Amino acid sequence: MRLLGEDLVLFRDRSGTLGLIAEFCPHRRASLAYGIPEIDGIRCPYHGWKFDSTGACIDQPNEPPVARSKRRSRRAAIPCKLSAG
């Protein structure tokens, strides 16, 4: 979706949490609009990085668990909630 000239992805992860984050993955600029919803976030279809509803990168396959790039790979996020059903 586009909001105030910014491309965003609205998703619901498999636990039911809504997320509204910047569309493009910071690694190779793949569109998260084609992302795969998982229990706690959305996974990039290109290389598998996973982002939660706050825009934090929570998983990077084939990287050490304490990789610096995971902390720096945050996406802009806008808090959202379901209203009126």
N, C-alpha and C. Protein backbone atom coordinates (compact mmCIF):
# COMPACT_ATOMS: atom_id res chain seq x y z
N MET A 1 0.83 -1.17 0.00
CA MET A 1 0.00 0.00 0.00
C MET A 1 0.88 1.24 0.00
N ARG A 2 0.32 2.34 -0.39
CA ARG A 2 1.05 3.61 -0.40
C ARG A 2 0.34 4.58 0.54
N LEU A 3 1.11 5.12 1.47
CA LEU A 3 0.57 6.05 2.46
C LEU A 3 1.46 7.28 2.51
N LEU A 4 0.89 8.43 2.18
CA LEU A 4 1.64 9.69 2.15
C LEU A 4 2.92 9.59 1.33
N GLY A 5 2.83 8.93 0.18
CA GLY A 5 3.95 8.82 -0.74
C GLY A 5 4.99 7.77 -0.36
N GLU A 6 4.72 6.98 0.66
CA GLU A 6 5.68 5.96 1.10
C GLU A 6 5.10 4.57 0.84
N ASP A 7 5.90 3.68 0.24
CA ASP A 7 5.47 2.31 -0.03
C ASP A 7 5.61 1.48 1.23
N LEU A 8 4.49 0.85 1.65
CA LEU A 8 4.45 0.07 2.88
C LEU A 8 3.81 -1.29 2.60
N VAL A 9 4.07 -2.23 3.48
CA VAL A 9 3.45 -3.55 3.41
C VAL A 9 2.63 -3.75 4.68
N LEU A 10 1.34 -4.03 4.49
CA LEU A 10 0.46 -4.36 5.60
C LEU A 10 0.32 -5.87 5.62
N PHE A 11 0.63 -6.50 6.75
CA PHE A 11 0.55 -7.96 6.83
C PHE A 11 0.02 -8.38 8.18
N ARG A 12 -0.45 -9.61 8.22
CA ARG A 12 -0.87 -10.23 9.47
C ARG A 12 -0.06 -11.51 9.60
N ASP A 13 0.73 -11.61 10.68
CA ASP A 13 1.51 -12.84 10.85
C ASP A 13 0.58 -13.96 11.31
N ARG A 14 1.11 -15.16 11.41
CA ARG A 14 0.27 -16.32 11.72
C ARG A 14 -0.24 -16.34 13.15
N SER A 15 0.28 -15.47 14.01
CA SER A 15 -0.26 -15.37 15.36
C SER A 15 -1.38 -14.32 15.42
N GLY A 16 -1.63 -13.63 14.30
CA GLY A 16 -2.71 -12.65 14.23
C GLY A 16 -2.29 -11.21 14.43
N THR A 17 -1.01 -10.96 14.65
CA THR A 17 -0.52 -9.60 14.85
C THR A 17 -0.42 -8.86 13.52
N LEU A 18 -0.93 -7.63 13.48
CA LEU A 18 -0.83 -6.81 12.28
C LEU A 18 0.51 -6.08 12.26
N GLY A 19 1.05 -5.91 11.07
CA GLY A 19 2.28 -5.16 10.91
C GLY A 19 2.18 -4.24 9.71
N LEU A 20 2.74 -3.06 9.80
CA LEU A 20 2.80 -2.11 8.69
C LEU A 20 4.23 -1.60 8.64
N ILE A 21 5.00 -2.12 7.69
CA ILE A 21 6.44 -1.80 7.62
C ILE A 21 6.81 -1.35 6.21
N ALA A 22 7.98 -0.75 6.08
CA ALA A 22 8.50 -0.32 4.78
C ALA A 22 8.56 -1.51 3.84
N GLU A 23 8.23 -1.29 2.57
CA GLU A 23 8.07 -2.39 1.62
C GLU A 23 9.35 -3.14 1.29
N PHE A 24 10.46 -2.47 1.15
CA PHE A 24 11.64 -3.12 0.60
C PHE A 24 12.60 -3.62 1.67
N CYS A 25 13.08 -4.84 1.49
CA CYS A 25 14.07 -5.43 2.38
C CYS A 25 15.39 -4.67 2.22
N PRO A 26 16.10 -4.41 3.31
CA PRO A 26 17.33 -3.62 3.21
C PRO A 26 18.49 -4.35 2.54
N HIS A 27 18.44 -5.65 2.42
CA HIS A 27 19.56 -6.40 1.87
C HIS A 27 19.68 -6.24 0.35
N ARG A 28 18.66 -6.64 -0.39
CA ARG A 28 18.68 -6.55 -1.85
C ARG A 28 17.47 -5.83 -2.42
N ARG A 29 16.77 -5.09 -1.54
CA ARG A 29 15.60 -4.31 -1.95
C ARG A 29 14.50 -5.16 -2.56
N ALA A 30 14.36 -6.40 -2.14
CA ALA A 30 13.26 -7.25 -2.59
C ALA A 30 11.98 -6.76 -1.92
N SER A 31 10.87 -6.88 -2.61
CA SER A 31 9.60 -6.42 -2.07
C SER A 31 9.06 -7.39 -1.03
N LEU A 32 8.76 -6.87 0.15
CA LEU A 32 8.15 -7.70 1.19
C LEU A 32 6.66 -7.90 0.94
N ALA A 33 6.12 -7.27 -0.12
CA ALA A 33 4.73 -7.51 -0.49
C ALA A 33 4.52 -8.97 -0.89
N TYR A 34 5.58 -9.62 -1.32
CA TYR A 34 5.54 -11.04 -1.67
C TYR A 34 6.09 -11.91 -0.55
N GLY A 35 6.23 -11.33 0.64
CA GLY A 35 6.80 -12.03 1.78
C GLY A 35 5.94 -13.17 2.27
N ILE A 36 6.55 -14.04 3.06
CA ILE A 36 5.89 -15.22 3.59
C ILE A 36 5.55 -14.97 5.06
N PRO A 37 4.25 -14.94 5.41
CA PRO A 37 3.88 -14.73 6.81
C PRO A 37 4.28 -15.94 7.66
N GLU A 38 4.86 -15.68 8.81
CA GLU A 38 5.24 -16.74 9.74
C GLU A 38 4.64 -16.43 11.10
N ILE A 39 4.90 -17.26 12.09
CA ILE A 39 4.31 -17.12 13.41
C ILE A 39 4.56 -15.73 14.01
N ASP A 40 5.78 -15.21 13.87
CA ASP A 40 6.12 -13.96 14.55
C ASP A 40 6.60 -12.86 13.61
N GLY A 41 6.25 -12.93 12.32
CA GLY A 41 6.67 -11.88 11.40
C GLY A 41 6.47 -12.25 9.95
N ILE A 42 7.17 -11.54 9.08
CA ILE A 42 7.11 -11.79 7.65
C ILE A 42 8.53 -12.03 7.13
N ARG A 43 8.68 -13.06 6.29
CA ARG A 43 10.00 -13.44 5.79
C ARG A 43 10.15 -12.97 4.35
N CYS A 44 11.30 -12.37 4.05
CA CYS A 44 11.62 -11.90 2.70
C CYS A 44 11.67 -13.10 1.75
N PRO A 45 11.00 -13.01 0.60
CA PRO A 45 11.00 -14.15 -0.33
C PRO A 45 12.33 -14.33 -1.06
N TYR A 46 13.19 -13.32 -1.05
CA TYR A 46 14.44 -13.40 -1.81
C TYR A 46 15.55 -14.12 -1.06
N HIS A 47 15.82 -13.72 0.17
CA HIS A 47 16.96 -14.33 0.87
C HIS A 47 16.61 -14.79 2.28
N GLY A 48 15.36 -14.59 2.73
CA GLY A 48 14.90 -15.21 3.95
C GLY A 48 15.01 -14.42 5.24
N TRP A 49 15.40 -13.15 5.19
CA TRP A 49 15.42 -12.39 6.43
C TRP A 49 13.99 -12.23 6.93
N LYS A 50 13.80 -12.27 8.25
CA LYS A 50 12.47 -12.16 8.83
C LYS A 50 12.36 -10.90 9.67
N PHE A 51 11.24 -10.18 9.50
CA PHE A 51 10.98 -8.93 10.21
C PHE A 51 9.70 -9.08 11.01
N ASP A 52 9.68 -8.52 12.22
CA ASP A 52 8.46 -8.56 13.03
C ASP A 52 7.62 -7.32 12.76
N SER A 53 6.51 -7.18 13.46
CA SER A 53 5.58 -6.07 13.21
C SER A 53 6.14 -4.71 13.62
N THR A 54 7.23 -4.69 14.38
CA THR A 54 7.87 -3.42 14.74
C THR A 54 8.96 -3.02 13.76
N GLY A 55 9.21 -3.86 12.75
CA GLY A 55 10.23 -3.58 11.75
C GLY A 55 11.60 -4.13 12.09
N ALA A 56 11.74 -4.77 13.24
CA ALA A 56 13.04 -5.33 13.65
C ALA A 56 13.33 -6.62 12.88
N CYS A 57 14.57 -6.78 12.46
CA CYS A 57 15.00 -8.01 11.82
C CYS A 57 15.22 -9.04 12.93
N ILE A 58 14.48 -10.13 12.90
CA ILE A 58 14.56 -11.11 13.98
C ILE A 58 15.21 -12.42 13.56
N ASP A 59 15.48 -12.59 12.27
CA ASP A 59 16.16 -13.80 11.81
C ASP A 59 16.87 -13.53 10.50
N GLN A 60 18.10 -14.01 10.41
CA GLN A 60 18.89 -13.96 9.18
C GLN A 60 19.52 -15.33 8.99
N PRO A 61 18.96 -16.15 8.08
CA PRO A 61 19.54 -17.48 7.87
C PRO A 61 21.01 -17.39 7.47
N ASN A 62 21.78 -18.34 7.91
CA ASN A 62 23.22 -18.47 7.58
C ASN A 62 24.07 -17.35 8.15
N GLU A 63 23.58 -16.65 9.16
CA GLU A 63 24.36 -15.63 9.85
C GLU A 63 24.48 -16.04 11.31
N PRO A 64 25.57 -15.67 11.99
CA PRO A 64 25.66 -15.99 13.42
C PRO A 64 24.55 -15.30 14.21
N PRO A 65 24.11 -15.88 15.32
CA PRO A 65 23.00 -15.30 16.09
C PRO A 65 23.25 -13.88 16.59
N VAL A 66 24.48 -13.48 16.74
CA VAL A 66 24.79 -12.13 17.23
C VAL A 66 25.33 -11.22 16.13
N ALA A 67 24.91 -11.46 14.90
CA ALA A 67 25.40 -10.66 13.77
C ALA A 67 25.03 -9.19 13.94
N ARG A 68 25.98 -8.31 13.70
CA ARG A 68 25.73 -6.86 13.79
C ARG A 68 24.71 -6.41 12.76
N SER A 69 24.72 -7.05 11.59
CA SER A 69 23.81 -6.62 10.54
C SER A 69 22.35 -6.82 10.92
N LYS A 70 22.06 -7.78 11.81
CA LYS A 70 20.68 -7.99 12.24
C LYS A 70 20.17 -6.78 13.03
N ARG A 71 21.01 -6.22 13.88
CA ARG A 71 20.61 -5.06 14.67
C ARG A 71 20.44 -3.81 13.81
N ARG A 72 21.23 -3.70 12.74
CA ARG A 72 21.17 -2.51 11.88
C ARG A 72 20.12 -2.62 10.78
N SER A 73 19.54 -3.79 10.56
CA SER A 73 18.64 -4.03 9.44
C SER A 73 17.18 -3.82 9.81
N ARG A 74 16.90 -2.74 10.42
CA ARG A 74 15.53 -2.43 10.87
C ARG A 74 14.76 -1.74 9.74
N ARG A 75 13.50 -2.01 9.63
CA ARG A 75 12.61 -1.37 8.67
C ARG A 75 11.76 -0.35 9.41
N ALA A 76 11.40 0.72 8.74
CA ALA A 76 10.49 1.68 9.34
C ALA A 76 9.15 0.99 9.56
N ALA A 77 8.52 1.25 10.69
CA ALA A 77 7.24 0.61 11.00
C ALA A 77 6.26 1.63 11.57
N ILE A 78 4.99 1.41 11.30
CA ILE A 78 3.92 2.26 11.82
C ILE A 78 3.01 1.37 12.64
N PRO A 79 2.77 1.71 13.91
CA PRO A 79 1.88 0.89 14.72
C PRO A 79 0.47 0.88 14.12
N CYS A 80 -0.19 -0.26 14.13
CA CYS A 80 -1.55 -0.36 13.59
C CYS A 80 -2.34 -1.37 14.41
N LYS A 81 -3.65 -1.26 14.32
CA LYS A 81 -4.52 -2.20 15.02
C LYS A 81 -5.82 -2.31 14.23
N LEU A 82 -6.50 -3.42 14.43
CA LEU A 82 -7.78 -3.65 13.80
C LEU A 82 -8.85 -2.87 14.55
N SER A 83 -9.71 -2.18 13.82
CA SER A 83 -10.74 -1.36 14.44
C SER A 83 -12.08 -1.65 13.79
N ALA A 84 -13.11 -1.76 14.56
CA ALA A 84 -14.48 -1.98 14.06
C ALA A 84 -14.61 -3.27 13.27
N GLY A 85 -13.92 -4.31 13.72
CA GLY A 85 -14.04 -5.63 13.10
C GLY A 85 -13.18 -5.81 11.92
